[in-house]
């Protein structure tokens, strides 16, 4: 048996490895994500309303779908929001399954989420009743601000999704 010392590389900065390469490895063997015994379902799925969901995985035992977004390099707000939006679209389109948003990134950093919304009593109540770390409301930029941790995406996904939807509607109007 040959021993090979693992080498840390950056997919974002690699000429040889990229997002497509990683998607192919996940498609061949979803267990590399350590989310359980999952089956590959789809890649680069075009969604109604725009966008492409990187990968969909499925757990037949739990009847759960995993909507996977891949981010080369550090996580950023756009990928977090996109992952939530894609998860929300898929759970509405396929309500017969449980759904889970997954972000794969080379570096997961402590993130801040800024949601551009007019300050209202209704939104204040939603925010106050959540257990998220809420920062002060930015009056100048009309933004609710949150410091997200690992558990927030699990425990507060409905609230985050609702706030993102409200912000999108407000932006469109």
Protein backbone atom coordinates (compact mmCIF):
# COMPACT_ATOMS: atom_id res chain seq x y z
CA UNK A 1 0.00 0.00 0.00
CA UNK A 2 1.35 3.40 -0.98
CA UNK A 3 1.14 6.26 1.48
CA UNK A 4 0.27 9.69 0.15
CA UNK A 5 0.39 12.70 2.39
CA UNK A 6 -2.73 14.84 1.81
CA UNK A 7 -2.14 18.24 0.32
CA UNK A 8 -4.45 21.20 0.96
CA UNK A 9 -5.28 23.02 -2.25
CA UNK A 10 -7.60 25.86 -3.16
CA UNK A 11 -10.13 24.85 -5.82
CA UNK A 12 -10.78 28.52 -6.46
CA UNK A 13 -7.13 29.07 -7.36
CA UNK A 14 -6.52 25.74 -9.10
CA UNK A 15 -6.09 25.33 -12.85
CA UNK A 16 -6.75 21.60 -12.57
CA UNK A 17 -9.66 21.38 -10.14
CA UNK A 18 -12.85 23.47 -10.27
CA UNK A 19 -16.54 23.45 -9.37
CA UNK A 20 -17.44 21.01 -12.17
CA UNK A 21 -14.74 18.64 -10.97
CA UNK A 22 -16.13 18.79 -7.41
CA UNK A 23 -19.70 18.28 -8.67
CA UNK A 24 -18.54 15.17 -10.52
CA UNK A 25 -16.90 13.77 -7.37
CA UNK A 26 -20.11 14.38 -5.39
CA UNK A 27 -22.18 12.78 -8.17
CA UNK A 28 -19.93 9.69 -8.14
CA UNK A 29 -19.91 9.39 -4.35
CA UNK A 30 -22.28 11.62 -2.32
CA UNK A 31 -20.98 10.03 0.90
CA UNK A 32 -17.91 12.31 0.69
CA UNK A 33 -20.15 15.02 2.15
CA UNK A 34 -20.76 12.88 5.27
CA UNK A 35 -24.51 13.59 5.19
CA UNK A 36 -25.44 9.91 5.16
CA UNK A 37 -26.24 7.40 2.44
CA UNK A 38 -27.49 9.76 -0.24
CA UNK A 39 -28.35 9.26 -3.88
CA UNK A 40 -27.45 11.73 -6.60
CA UNK A 41 -30.53 13.24 -8.30
CA UNK A 42 -29.53 16.20 -10.47
CA UNK A 43 -26.84 18.75 -11.23
CA UNK A 44 -27.10 22.29 -12.60
CA UNK A 45 -30.88 22.07 -12.37
CA UNK A 46 -32.50 25.07 -14.07
CA UNK A 47 -35.10 26.57 -11.75
CA UNK A 48 -38.29 28.35 -12.70
CA UNK A 49 -37.73 32.02 -11.97
CA UNK A 50 -34.02 31.82 -12.80
CA UNK A 51 -30.90 30.27 -11.45
CA UNK A 52 -29.25 26.87 -11.48
CA UNK A 53 -29.15 24.66 -8.43
CA UNK A 54 -25.69 23.09 -8.29
CA UNK A 55 -26.67 19.64 -7.06
CA UNK A 56 -29.66 17.77 -5.64
CA UNK A 57 -29.10 14.74 -3.44
CA UNK A 58 -31.73 12.43 -1.97
CA UNK A 59 -32.01 10.30 1.16
CA UNK A 60 -34.57 7.57 0.30
CA UNK A 61 -34.82 6.39 3.90
CA UNK A 62 -35.87 9.80 5.27
CA UNK A 63 -37.46 11.02 2.02
CA UNK A 64 -35.29 14.14 2.28
CA UNK A 65 -33.77 16.15 -0.54
CA UNK A 66 -30.59 18.15 -0.15
CA UNK A 67 -30.31 21.31 -2.24
CA UNK A 68 -26.55 21.82 -2.53
CA UNK A 69 -24.81 25.06 -3.47
CA UNK A 70 -21.05 25.03 -4.04
CA UNK A 71 -18.92 28.08 -3.30
CA UNK A 72 -15.27 28.07 -4.25
CA UNK A 73 -13.32 30.14 -1.75
CA UNK A 74 -15.05 31.87 1.17
CA UNK A 75 -18.79 31.85 1.68
CA UNK A 76 -20.48 35.09 0.78
CA UNK A 77 -23.91 36.55 1.34
CA UNK A 78 -25.06 35.94 -2.23
CA UNK A 79 -24.46 32.20 -1.96
CA UNK A 80 -26.17 32.00 1.41
CA UNK A 81 -29.21 33.84 0.05
CA UNK A 82 -29.17 31.80 -3.17
CA UNK A 83 -29.04 28.54 -1.21
CA UNK A 84 -32.03 29.64 0.87
CA UNK A 85 -33.98 30.76 -2.19
CA UNK A 86 -33.29 27.50 -4.07
CA UNK A 87 -34.20 25.46 -0.99
CA UNK A 88 -37.45 27.41 -0.69
CA UNK A 89 -38.34 26.94 -4.38
CA UNK A 90 -37.65 23.21 -4.24
CA UNK A 91 -39.62 22.61 -1.04
CA UNK A 92 -42.63 24.40 -2.54
CA UNK A 93 -42.28 22.52 -5.83
CA UNK A 94 -41.83 19.14 -4.09
CA UNK A 95 -43.73 19.29 -0.77
CA UNK A 96 -43.81 15.48 -0.52
CA UNK A 97 -40.16 15.58 0.64
CA UNK A 98 -38.33 17.08 3.57
CA UNK A 99 -35.71 19.55 2.33
CA UNK A 100 -32.32 20.70 3.56
CA UNK A 101 -30.18 23.56 2.19
CA UNK A 102 -26.46 22.74 2.03
CA UNK A 103 -23.62 25.14 1.31
CA UNK A 104 -20.25 23.64 0.45
CA UNK A 105 -17.40 26.12 0.64
CA UNK A 106 -13.67 26.04 1.04
CA UNK A 107 -13.93 28.46 3.92
CA UNK A 108 -16.97 29.00 6.09
CA UNK A 109 -16.59 32.28 7.91
CA UNK A 110 -18.70 33.97 10.53
CA UNK A 111 -21.23 35.76 8.40
CA UNK A 112 -23.44 38.74 8.67
CA UNK A 113 -26.77 38.89 6.93
CA UNK A 114 -28.13 42.28 5.97
CA UNK A 115 -31.77 42.28 4.92
CA UNK A 116 -32.86 45.52 3.25
CA UNK A 117 -36.37 46.18 4.59
CA UNK A 118 -38.30 49.15 5.90
CA UNK A 119 -38.52 48.95 9.67
CA UNK A 120 -42.04 47.83 10.62
CA UNK A 121 -43.68 46.49 13.77
CA UNK A 122 -44.49 43.25 11.95
CA UNK A 123 -40.86 42.59 10.98
CA UNK A 124 -39.62 43.78 14.39
CA UNK A 125 -41.86 41.19 16.05
CA UNK A 126 -40.53 38.40 13.81
CA UNK A 127 -36.95 39.44 14.53
CA UNK A 128 -37.54 39.86 18.29
CA UNK A 129 -39.12 36.40 18.53
CA UNK A 130 -36.19 34.69 16.81
CA UNK A 131 -33.13 33.49 18.67
CA UNK A 132 -30.74 34.95 16.07
CA UNK A 133 -28.05 37.42 17.08
CA UNK A 134 -29.65 40.64 15.88
CA UNK A 135 -27.52 43.72 15.42
CA UNK A 136 -28.90 47.24 15.44
CA UNK A 137 -31.21 48.30 12.61
CA UNK A 138 -29.31 50.44 10.11
CA UNK A 139 -31.61 53.44 9.54
CA UNK A 140 -29.44 55.00 6.85
CA UNK A 141 -29.44 51.90 4.63
CA UNK A 142 -32.77 50.51 5.91
CA UNK A 143 -31.29 47.14 6.82
CA UNK A 144 -31.98 44.60 9.51
CA UNK A 145 -28.62 43.10 10.41
CA UNK A 146 -27.88 39.65 11.83
CA UNK A 147 -24.76 37.77 12.84
CA UNK A 148 -25.32 34.17 11.73
CA UNK A 149 -23.81 31.08 13.28
CA UNK A 150 -24.02 27.41 12.32
CA UNK A 151 -27.27 26.78 14.17
CA UNK A 152 -29.11 29.77 12.70
CA UNK A 153 -29.45 28.20 9.26
CA UNK A 154 -30.84 25.06 10.90
CA UNK A 155 -33.04 26.61 13.57
CA UNK A 156 -34.17 29.83 11.87
CA UNK A 157 -34.32 28.93 8.19
CA UNK A 158 -38.04 29.72 7.96
CA UNK A 159 -37.50 33.18 9.46
CA UNK A 160 -34.47 33.91 7.26
CA UNK A 161 -36.36 32.72 4.19
CA UNK A 162 -39.37 34.87 5.08
CA UNK A 163 -37.22 37.97 5.58
CA UNK A 164 -35.41 37.39 2.28
CA UNK A 165 -38.75 37.00 0.46
CA UNK A 166 -40.08 40.20 2.04
CA UNK A 167 -36.91 42.06 0.98
CA UNK A 168 -37.22 40.76 -2.58
CA UNK A 169 -40.86 41.87 -2.77
CA UNK A 170 -40.04 45.27 -1.33
CA UNK A 171 -37.19 45.65 -3.83
CA UNK A 172 -39.46 44.72 -6.75
CA UNK A 173 -42.06 47.27 -5.67
